[in-house]
Each structure stands twice: as structure tokens, then as C-alpha cells.
């Protein structure tokens, strides 16, 4: 009897000791070491790839943002602000009751099939809007000029990047709305175009947030055009 109690007490003590040691190692030491290494070697990525403008954090380079006009009375959604480059449509186009307008509640798309009639109508309406909004005198946009990423969202609905083709399509509209030479705005797009990773992985891309920050600096009072 005494031997059984002694063995039980010994096992209980060993288990408690292991629990405490593992709690300290995996719950305190390991997180602190990983955090310290991350902050020392990759501080930007460790802190969420924050993007700053004028010394303030204005977003993350990993998450898309919307650039809209103030919501007008009687409208459910705001209109895009034509002064800025626009990203991919949020929420897989149309209404997503969980993740609306890049509000970070939950990422996701519509999960509709490619032949879904409502999705096809959304794409057609989006294409018409891109043609209408980006056509300026002397530089009309044709439906066949509109790339796929201009009318469809990514799988997450939060893609921060657009294709160079979509960025190029917006150049004349952005230039006209900001009173800038189209050539200068095109240079801005070219400067912010990231090539394929290692030359063969993925596609060339343009980060909309970083591009619009550079655009804002260009049109700021006192900036040379």
C-alpha cells in the first residue's frame, strides 16, 4: 500500500515537473526566442509588413485597401475615387455578408462556379465600369483592353497587387484627375512594378498601396511635376 502511494506520488511529481518545464520552454522561452530572432532579422515582416507614409502606418503591403469617395446619401456602397489607382474588386465581386469592402473580419471570395449567371453578370458590369471610369478624351478604353484582375477578386478577396496591365490601363485617368503628365504617371507605375520572383515564379505585379503612396507624394503641394 505504502509502495503504491509512493510510486503514485513519484509519478505525479515527475509529471508536474515535466508540465512546468515544458510550459516554460514552449510557452515562454521558445516564443521569446522566435520573436527576438524575427525582430532582429525580419522586423518588417514580423510586424505585419507595415507600410508607412509621412511617418505613420497607413496599411500593410500584404492586404489590399479601397480608395473610395465619401458615401453618398441613398447609396449602399461608395464610388471609387478616380484620383487613385484602384485595386482588384473585393469580396469576389458583389455582396459578401461576412467580409465587406476589405474589412478584415474574414477573407474569402464568392465560391461561385465559372458559369454562374450572377457571377457572369457581375463580371460584365465590372468590365463596363472599368471601361467607363478609365476612358478619358483621346484615350478610350476598349472592353478587350480590360484584364481579368480588374473584374475578379483573388481567392482571399484581399489581394494587395494588380497586374501591370491593369495599372497601365488606369494611367491616363489618374493623370487627368491629378493634373499630371501621363508619361510621369507611367514612370511611377514602371518604378513600382515587381518582376517575377527569381525570374520565373509568379507574375509581374504592382502593389497598389505603395503606388498610391508614391502618387500622393507626387501630387503633394510643393512636389515637382
Protein backbone atom coordinates (compact mmCIF):
# COMPACT_ATOMS: atom_id res chain seq x y z
CA UNK A 1 0.00 0.00 0.00
CA UNK A 2 2.72 2.42 1.02
CA UNK A 3 4.74 1.40 -2.02
CA UNK A 4 1.80 2.14 -4.32
CA UNK A 5 1.26 5.58 -2.79
CA UNK A 6 4.96 6.33 -3.05
CA UNK A 7 5.06 5.34 -6.71
CA UNK A 8 1.94 7.37 -7.44
CA UNK A 9 3.41 10.40 -5.68
CA UNK A 10 6.66 9.98 -7.59
CA UNK A 11 4.84 9.75 -10.94
CA UNK A 12 2.66 12.74 -10.07
CA UNK A 13 5.71 14.80 -9.11
CA UNK A 14 7.55 13.81 -12.31
CA UNK A 15 4.53 14.67 -14.43
CA UNK A 16 4.08 18.03 -12.70
CA UNK A 17 7.77 18.81 -13.15
CA UNK A 18 7.60 17.93 -16.86
CA UNK A 19 4.47 20.08 -17.26
CA UNK A 20 6.14 23.08 -15.65
CA UNK A 21 9.35 22.69 -17.65
CA UNK A 22 7.52 22.27 -20.97
CA UNK A 23 5.25 25.21 -20.15
CA UNK A 24 8.25 27.44 -19.52
CA UNK A 25 10.18 26.18 -22.57
CA UNK A 26 7.35 26.09 -25.12
CA UNK A 27 5.16 28.82 -23.68
CA UNK A 28 7.74 31.41 -22.68
CA UNK A 29 11.30 30.69 -23.82
CA UNK A 30 10.52 29.48 -27.35
CA UNK A 31 8.11 32.34 -28.23
CA UNK A 32 10.58 34.90 -26.87
CA UNK A 33 13.46 33.40 -28.86
CA UNK A 34 11.43 33.21 -32.08
CA UNK A 35 10.12 36.75 -31.59
CA UNK A 36 13.61 38.05 -30.89
CA UNK A 37 15.10 36.36 -33.95
CA UNK A 38 12.24 37.60 -36.14
CA UNK A 39 12.56 41.16 -34.85
CA UNK A 40 16.32 41.07 -35.31
CA UNK A 41 16.41 39.57 -38.81
CA UNK A 42 13.00 40.39 -40.34
CA UNK A 43 11.46 43.27 -38.36
CA UNK A 44 9.27 44.44 -41.22
CA UNK A 45 7.70 41.05 -41.89
CA UNK A 46 7.48 40.22 -38.20
CA UNK A 47 5.40 43.35 -37.61
CA UNK A 48 2.92 42.63 -40.40
CA UNK A 49 4.72 44.23 -43.36
CA UNK A 50 3.53 47.64 -42.28
CA UNK A 51 3.65 50.41 -44.88
CA UNK A 52 4.28 53.97 -43.74
CA UNK A 53 3.65 57.39 -45.24
CA UNK A 54 4.72 60.64 -43.58
CA UNK A 55 5.96 58.60 -40.63
CA UNK A 56 2.58 56.98 -39.99
CA UNK A 57 1.46 53.41 -40.62
CA UNK A 58 -1.13 53.54 -43.40
CA UNK A 59 -1.59 49.84 -44.05
CA UNK A 60 0.12 46.57 -44.84
CA UNK A 61 1.78 45.71 -48.12
CA UNK A 62 0.10 42.30 -47.86
CA UNK A 63 -3.51 43.49 -47.66
CA UNK A 64 -5.46 45.43 -50.26
CA UNK A 65 -7.20 48.68 -49.47
CA UNK A 66 -10.08 50.52 -51.06
CA UNK A 67 -9.81 54.08 -52.37
CA UNK A 68 -13.32 55.43 -52.41
CA UNK A 69 -15.20 58.70 -52.38
CA UNK A 70 -17.35 59.52 -49.33
CA UNK A 71 -20.55 57.51 -49.29
CA UNK A 72 -23.36 59.45 -50.93
CA UNK A 73 -26.82 59.58 -49.44
CA UNK A 74 -29.05 56.86 -50.80
CA UNK A 75 -26.17 54.61 -51.90
CA UNK A 76 -25.20 51.36 -50.23
CA UNK A 77 -21.58 51.38 -51.39
CA UNK A 78 -19.20 54.28 -52.13
CA UNK A 79 -17.88 55.03 -55.60
CA UNK A 80 -14.17 54.59 -56.42
CA UNK A 81 -12.10 57.76 -56.11
CA UNK A 82 -10.83 58.44 -59.65
CA UNK A 83 -7.72 60.24 -58.37
CA UNK A 84 -6.18 56.98 -57.16
CA UNK A 85 -5.18 53.68 -58.66
CA UNK A 86 -7.77 51.05 -57.85
CA UNK A 87 -7.06 47.50 -56.72
CA UNK A 88 -8.84 44.30 -57.53
CA UNK A 89 -12.53 44.03 -56.67
CA UNK A 90 -13.06 43.00 -53.07
CA UNK A 91 -15.14 40.06 -51.92
CA UNK A 92 -15.15 38.18 -55.20
CA UNK A 93 -17.39 40.91 -56.65
CA UNK A 94 -20.89 41.55 -55.46
CA UNK A 95 -22.07 41.15 -51.88
CA UNK A 96 -20.28 39.08 -49.28
CA UNK A 97 -22.07 39.38 -45.95
CA UNK A 98 -19.04 38.30 -43.92
CA UNK A 99 -16.17 40.25 -45.47
CA UNK A 100 -17.30 43.54 -46.99
CA UNK A 101 -15.08 46.17 -48.60
CA UNK A 102 -11.83 44.76 -47.27
CA UNK A 103 -12.99 44.88 -43.65
CA UNK A 104 -10.77 42.26 -42.07
CA UNK A 105 -13.45 40.11 -40.48
CA UNK A 106 -12.79 37.12 -42.67
CA UNK A 107 -11.17 36.77 -46.06
CA UNK A 108 -12.81 34.84 -48.85
CA UNK A 109 -14.43 35.01 -52.26
CA UNK A 110 -17.89 34.08 -53.52
CA UNK A 111 -17.03 30.43 -54.32
CA UNK A 112 -19.34 30.59 -57.31
CA UNK A 113 -18.75 28.42 -60.35
CA UNK A 114 -17.34 29.96 -63.52
CA UNK A 115 -20.67 29.59 -65.33
CA UNK A 116 -22.80 31.05 -62.54
CA UNK A 117 -25.19 33.54 -64.24
CA UNK A 118 -24.98 36.09 -61.42
CA UNK A 119 -21.17 35.95 -61.36
CA UNK A 120 -21.06 36.40 -65.13
CA UNK A 121 -23.31 39.44 -64.81
CA UNK A 122 -21.07 40.89 -62.09
CA UNK A 123 -18.05 40.48 -64.34
CA UNK A 124 -19.82 42.14 -67.26
CA UNK A 125 -20.95 45.03 -65.07
CA UNK A 126 -17.45 45.39 -63.62
CA UNK A 127 -15.90 45.43 -67.09
CA UNK A 128 -18.33 48.11 -68.22
CA UNK A 129 -17.47 50.19 -65.16
CA UNK A 130 -13.72 49.85 -65.81
CA UNK A 131 -14.20 50.95 -69.43
CA UNK A 132 -16.39 53.89 -68.39
CA UNK A 133 -14.27 55.09 -65.47
CA UNK A 134 -10.90 54.85 -67.23
CA UNK A 135 -11.80 56.28 -70.62
CA UNK A 136 -10.57 59.86 -70.99
CA UNK A 137 -10.62 62.16 -74.02
CA UNK A 138 -8.14 60.86 -76.56
CA UNK A 139 -7.59 57.59 -74.71
CA UNK A 140 -10.71 55.42 -74.75
CA UNK A 141 -10.58 52.00 -73.10
CA UNK A 142 -11.99 49.09 -75.08
CA UNK A 143 -13.62 46.07 -73.40
CA UNK A 144 -10.89 43.81 -74.76
CA UNK A 145 -8.30 46.00 -73.01
CA UNK A 146 -9.64 45.07 -69.55
CA UNK A 147 -7.53 42.36 -67.83
CA UNK A 148 -9.07 39.63 -65.70
CA UNK A 149 -7.78 41.02 -62.40
CA UNK A 150 -9.71 44.25 -63.00
CA UNK A 151 -13.05 42.43 -62.78
CA UNK A 152 -12.37 39.47 -60.47
CA UNK A 153 -11.11 39.20 -56.94
CA UNK A 154 -8.40 36.91 -55.66
CA UNK A 155 -9.19 33.79 -53.65
CA UNK A 156 -8.84 35.72 -50.40
CA UNK A 157 -10.51 38.88 -51.64
CA UNK A 158 -7.66 40.88 -50.09
CA UNK A 159 -5.04 40.87 -52.84
CA UNK A 160 -2.82 43.98 -52.50
CA UNK A 161 -1.42 43.71 -56.03
CA UNK A 162 -2.69 44.25 -59.55
CA UNK A 163 -1.16 43.33 -62.87
CA UNK A 164 1.00 45.88 -64.71
CA UNK A 165 -1.59 45.74 -67.48
CA UNK A 166 -4.36 46.90 -65.15
CA UNK A 167 -2.12 49.60 -63.70
CA UNK A 168 -1.24 50.81 -67.22
CA UNK A 169 -4.92 50.96 -68.10
CA UNK A 170 -5.52 53.42 -65.23
CA UNK A 171 -2.60 55.74 -66.03
CA UNK A 172 -4.42 58.27 -68.23
CA UNK A 173 -7.39 58.54 -65.86
CA UNK A 174 -5.14 59.07 -62.82
CA UNK A 175 -3.00 61.57 -64.71
CA UNK A 176 -6.04 63.55 -65.88
CA UNK A 177 -7.68 63.66 -62.45
CA UNK A 178 -4.47 64.83 -60.77
CA UNK A 179 -3.29 67.24 -63.46
CA UNK A 180 -0.13 65.25 -64.13
CA UNK A 181 1.58 64.27 -67.38
CA UNK A 182 0.61 60.73 -68.33
CA UNK A 183 4.28 59.97 -69.03
CA UNK A 184 5.21 60.78 -65.42
CA UNK A 185 2.43 58.60 -64.03
CA UNK A 186 3.51 55.78 -66.34
CA UNK A 187 7.05 56.11 -64.99
CA UNK A 188 5.62 55.77 -61.50
CA UNK A 189 3.90 52.52 -62.46
CA UNK A 190 7.07 51.18 -64.05
CA UNK A 191 9.09 52.06 -60.95
CA UNK A 192 6.65 50.12 -58.74
CA UNK A 193 6.34 47.05 -60.93
CA UNK A 194 7.84 43.99 -59.26
CA UNK A 195 9.10 41.30 -61.66
CA UNK A 196 8.60 37.56 -61.25
CA UNK A 197 10.27 36.12 -58.15
CA UNK A 198 13.66 34.67 -59.15
CA UNK A 199 12.71 35.45 -62.72
CA UNK A 200 10.21 32.61 -63.16
CA UNK A 201 7.90 32.33 -60.12
CA UNK A 202 4.54 34.07 -60.26
CA UNK A 203 3.67 37.08 -62.40
CA UNK A 204 4.83 40.70 -62.53
CA UNK A 205 2.78 42.77 -60.12
CA UNK A 206 2.16 46.27 -58.81
CA UNK A 207 1.42 46.93 -55.14
CA UNK A 208 -1.46 49.41 -55.17
CA UNK A 209 -0.84 50.84 -51.70
CA UNK A 210 2.82 51.58 -52.38
CA UNK A 211 1.97 53.01 -55.81
CA UNK A 212 -0.66 55.33 -54.36
CA UNK A 213 1.70 56.50 -51.62
CA UNK A 214 4.21 57.48 -54.32
CA UNK A 215 1.41 59.14 -56.28
CA UNK A 216 0.37 61.10 -53.20
CA UNK A 217 3.92 62.35 -52.76
CA UNK A 218 3.97 63.40 -56.40
CA UNK A 219 0.79 65.44 -56.21
CA UNK A 220 1.51 66.88 -52.76
CA UNK A 221 1.84 70.70 -52.59
CA UNK A 222 5.35 71.72 -53.50
CA UNK A 223 6.16 68.47 -55.31
CA UNK A 224 7.62 68.92 -58.74
CA UNK A 225 5.56 67.55 -61.60
